[in-house]
Amino acid sequence: MTHQIQRIGGSQRFSQVVTHNHTVYLAGQVSQLADGDITAQSEDVFAKIDALLEQAGSDKNHMLSAQIWLADMDDYDAMNAAWDAWLSGVGAPVRACVESPMAKKNYRVEIMVIAAVRS
């Protein structure tokens, strides 16, 4: 049985969302807040993730996995505080968080998510 692949948004280079076999894959999401601190940028990214998951028929309660890249691990505690507030009352996905150079110098955080489609 062949499962349809659906692509949502993005460009020739990458899709914002791909769904396949009841699984949602999001591209890495970054904040466009050029001057935002880690809390503001994290909250902006969480809002983007919420909106993209909704478009794909999912939500944060159905997240399976999250990969988080921080420009500076000194932001780890503040990002975790924002993360914990965002996931309040929701089952947490498996997660990895590492420090990495970012594509643009104003990016403080990038998050990529895999989620299940809501039943």
C-alpha atoms as a PDB file:
ATOM      1  CA  MET A   1       0.000   0.000   0.000  1.00  0.00           C
ATOM      2  CA  THR A   2       1.402   3.394  -1.002  1.00  0.00           C
ATOM      3  CA  HIS A   3       0.985   6.269   1.433  1.00  0.00           C
ATOM      4  CA  GLN A   4       0.591   9.745   0.012  1.00  0.00           C
ATOM      5  CA  ILE A   5       3.235  12.343   0.810  1.00  0.00           C
ATOM      6  CA  GLN A   6       1.837  15.832   1.371  1.00  0.00           C
ATOM      7  CA  ARG A   7       4.027  18.942   1.373  1.00  0.00           C
ATOM      8  CA  ILE A   8       2.886  22.248   2.912  1.00  0.00           C
ATOM      9  CA  GLY A   9       4.595  25.589   2.415  1.00  0.00           C
ATOM     10  CA  GLY A  10       8.241  26.208   1.902  1.00  0.00           C
ATOM     11  CA  SER A  11      10.169  26.694  -1.316  1.00  0.00           C
ATOM     12  CA  GLN A  12      12.112  24.795  -3.965  1.00  0.00           C
ATOM     13  CA  ARG A  13      14.808  24.227  -1.323  1.00  0.00           C
ATOM     14  CA  PHE A  14      12.638  22.718   1.442  1.00  0.00           C
ATOM     15  CA  SER A  15       9.066  22.179   2.624  1.00  0.00           C
ATOM     16  CA  GLN A  16       7.836  23.683   5.901  1.00  0.00           C
ATOM     17  CA  VAL A  17       5.797  20.539   6.617  1.00  0.00           C
ATOM     18  CA  VAL A  18       5.757  17.029   5.157  1.00  0.00           C
ATOM     19  CA  THR A  19       3.194  14.441   6.178  1.00  0.00           C
ATOM     20  CA  HIS A  20       3.485  10.743   5.462  1.00  0.00           C
ATOM     21  CA  ASN A  21       1.935   7.653   7.004  1.00  0.00           C
ATOM     22  CA  HIS A  22       0.124   9.674   9.729  1.00  0.00           C
ATOM     23  CA  THR A  23       3.357  11.386  10.753  1.00  0.00           C
ATOM     24  CA  VAL A  24       4.108  15.122  10.516  1.00  0.00           C
ATOM     25  CA  TYR A  25       7.663  16.351   9.941  1.00  0.00           C
ATOM     26  CA  LEU A  26       8.403  20.055  10.438  1.00  0.00           C
ATOM     27  CA  ALA A  27      11.407  21.884   9.035  1.00  0.00           C
ATOM     28  CA  GLY A  28      13.580  23.600  11.611  1.00  0.00           C
ATOM     29  CA  GLN A  29      11.757  26.698  12.838  1.00  0.00           C
ATOM     30  CA  VAL A  30      13.540  29.927  13.749  1.00  0.00           C
ATOM     31  CA  SER A  31      12.299  33.263  15.035  1.00  0.00           C
ATOM     32  CA  GLN A  32      12.204  36.364  12.886  1.00  0.00           C
ATOM     33  CA  LEU A  33      12.572  38.564  15.988  1.00  0.00           C
ATOM     34  CA  ALA A  34      15.955  40.087  15.156  1.00  0.00           C
ATOM     35  CA  ASP A  35      16.421  41.620  18.615  1.00  0.00           C
ATOM     36  CA  GLY A  36      14.498  39.057  20.663  1.00  0.00           C
ATOM     37  CA  ASP A  37      16.097  37.404  23.664  1.00  0.00           C
ATOM     38  CA  ILE A  38      15.961  33.612  24.008  1.00  0.00           C
ATOM     39  CA  THR A  39      12.570  33.680  25.746  1.00  0.00           C
ATOM     40  CA  ALA A  40      10.946  35.862  23.068  1.00  0.00           C
ATOM     41  CA  GLN A  41      12.520  33.875  20.244  1.00  0.00           C
ATOM     42  CA  SER A  42      11.515  30.554  21.823  1.00  0.00           C
ATOM     43  CA  GLU A  43       7.910  31.687  22.268  1.00  0.00           C
ATOM     44  CA  ASP A  44       7.853  32.905  18.653  1.00  0.00           C
ATOM     45  CA  VAL A  45       9.127  29.520  17.454  1.00  0.00           C
ATOM     46  CA  PHE A  46       6.562  27.681  19.606  1.00  0.00           C
ATOM     47  CA  ALA A  47       3.764  29.752  18.007  1.00  0.00           C
ATOM     48  CA  LYS A  48       5.073  28.828  14.548  1.00  0.00           C
ATOM     49  CA  ILE A  49       5.193  25.148  15.516  1.00  0.00           C
ATOM     50  CA  ASP A  50       1.628  25.310  16.860  1.00  0.00           C
ATOM     51  CA  ALA A  51       0.371  26.886  13.605  1.00  0.00           C
ATOM     52  CA  LEU A  52       2.209  24.420  11.342  1.00  0.00           C
ATOM     53  CA  LEU A  53       1.075  21.396  13.337  1.00  0.00           C
ATOM     54  CA  GLU A  54      -2.514  22.665  13.143  1.00  0.00           C
ATOM     55  CA  GLN A  55      -2.240  22.983   9.348  1.00  0.00           C
ATOM     56  CA  ALA A  56      -1.082  19.372   9.208  1.00  0.00           C
ATOM     57  CA  GLY A  57      -3.863  18.027  11.452  1.00  0.00           C
ATOM     58  CA  SER A  58      -1.799  17.695  14.610  1.00  0.00           C
ATOM     59  CA  ASP A  59      -0.888  19.640  17.749  1.00  0.00           C
ATOM     60  CA  LYS A  60       1.804  19.806  20.419  1.00  0.00           C
ATOM     61  CA  ASN A  61       0.110  17.052  22.429  1.00  0.00           C
ATOM     62  CA  HIS A  62       0.926  14.697  19.524  1.00  0.00           C
ATOM     63  CA  MET A  63       4.624  15.609  19.293  1.00  0.00           C
ATOM     64  CA  LEU A  64       6.868  12.566  19.206  1.00  0.00           C
ATOM     65  CA  SER A  65      10.283  14.170  18.954  1.00  0.00           C
ATOM     66  CA  ALA A  66      11.921  17.605  19.129  1.00  0.00           C
ATOM     67  CA  GLN A  67      15.440  18.606  18.172  1.00  0.00           C
ATOM     68  CA  ILE A  68      16.595  21.941  19.569  1.00  0.00           C
ATOM     69  CA  TRP A  69      19.661  23.901  18.546  1.00  0.00           C
ATOM     70  CA  LEU A  70      20.833  26.831  20.671  1.00  0.00           C
ATOM     71  CA  ALA A  71      23.372  29.403  19.531  1.00  0.00           C
ATOM     72  CA  ASP A  72      24.657  29.541  23.112  1.00  0.00           C
ATOM     73  CA  MET A  73      24.137  26.960  25.875  1.00  0.00           C
ATOM     74  CA  ASP A  74      24.005  29.856  28.346  1.00  0.00           C
ATOM     75  CA  ASP A  75      20.406  30.200  27.036  1.00  0.00           C
ATOM     76  CA  TYR A  76      19.546  26.615  28.044  1.00  0.00           C
ATOM     77  CA  ASP A  77      17.785  27.412  31.340  1.00  0.00           C
ATOM     78  CA  ALA A  78      15.731  30.310  29.928  1.00  0.00           C
ATOM     79  CA  MET A  79      14.725  28.280  26.854  1.00  0.00           C
ATOM     80  CA  ASN A  80      13.731  25.387  29.135  1.00  0.00           C
ATOM     81  CA  ALA A  81      11.566  27.705  31.236  1.00  0.00           C
ATOM     82  CA  ALA A  82       9.740  28.845  28.081  1.00  0.00           C
ATOM     83  CA  TRP A  83       9.547  25.222  26.856  1.00  0.00           C
ATOM     84  CA  ASP A  84       8.076  24.033  30.164  1.00  0.00           C
ATOM     85  CA  ALA A  85       5.439  26.806  30.104  1.00  0.00           C
ATOM     86  CA  TRP A  86       4.530  25.950  26.485  1.00  0.00           C
ATOM     87  CA  LEU A  87       4.161  22.246  27.277  1.00  0.00           C
ATOM     88  CA  SER A  88       2.267  22.744  30.535  1.00  0.00           C
ATOM     89  CA  GLY A  89      -0.372  20.013  30.711  1.00  0.00           C
ATOM     90  CA  VAL A  90       0.944  18.264  27.589  1.00  0.00           C
ATOM     91  CA  GLY A  91       2.891  15.033  27.345  1.00  0.00           C
ATOM     92  CA  ALA A  92       6.505  15.871  26.537  1.00  0.00           C
ATOM     93  CA  PRO A  93       8.139  14.420  23.407  1.00  0.00           C
ATOM     94  CA  VAL A  94      11.568  12.836  23.343  1.00  0.00           C
ATOM     95  CA  ARG A  95      14.066  15.634  22.903  1.00  0.00           C
ATOM     96  CA  ALA A  96      17.649  16.565  22.168  1.00  0.00           C
ATOM     97  CA  CYS A  97      19.175  20.005  22.747  1.00  0.00           C
ATOM     98  CA  VAL A  98      22.622  21.004  21.545  1.00  0.00           C
ATOM     99  CA  GLU A  99      24.690  24.112  20.910  1.00  0.00           C
ATOM    100  CA  SER A 100      25.350  24.921  17.270  1.00  0.00           C
ATOM    101  CA  PRO A 101      26.311  27.848  15.061  1.00  0.00           C
ATOM    102  CA  MET A 102      23.180  29.270  13.439  1.00  0.00           C
ATOM    103  CA  ALA A 103      22.518  30.190   9.809  1.00  0.00           C
ATOM    104  CA  LYS A 104      22.092  33.853  10.788  1.00  0.00           C
ATOM    105  CA  LYS A 105      23.768  35.620  13.700  1.00  0.00           C
ATOM    106  CA  ASN A 106      20.475  36.862  15.232  1.00  0.00           C
ATOM    107  CA  TYR A 107      19.007  33.335  15.506  1.00  0.00           C
ATOM    108  CA  ARG A 108      19.246  32.111  19.108  1.00  0.00           C
ATOM    109  CA  VAL A 109      17.177  28.917  18.747  1.00  0.00           C
ATOM    110  CA  GLU A 110      15.990  26.516  16.061  1.00  0.00           C
ATOM    111  CA  ILE A 111      13.530  23.690  16.701  1.00  0.00           C
ATOM    112  CA  MET A 112      12.544  20.777  14.470  1.00  0.00           C
ATOM    113  CA  VAL A 113       9.551  18.605  15.426  1.00  0.00           C
ATOM    114  CA  ILE A 114       8.063  15.256  14.433  1.00  0.00           C
ATOM    115  CA  ALA A 115       4.459  14.600  15.462  1.00  0.00           C
ATOM    116  CA  ALA A 116       1.644  12.137  14.915  1.00  0.00           C
ATOM    117  CA  VAL A 117      -1.473  13.220  13.055  1.00  0.00           C
ATOM    118  CA  ARG A 118      -4.502  13.495  15.357  1.00  0.00           C
ATOM    119  CA  SER A 119      -6.790  10.461  15.097  1.00  0.00           C
END
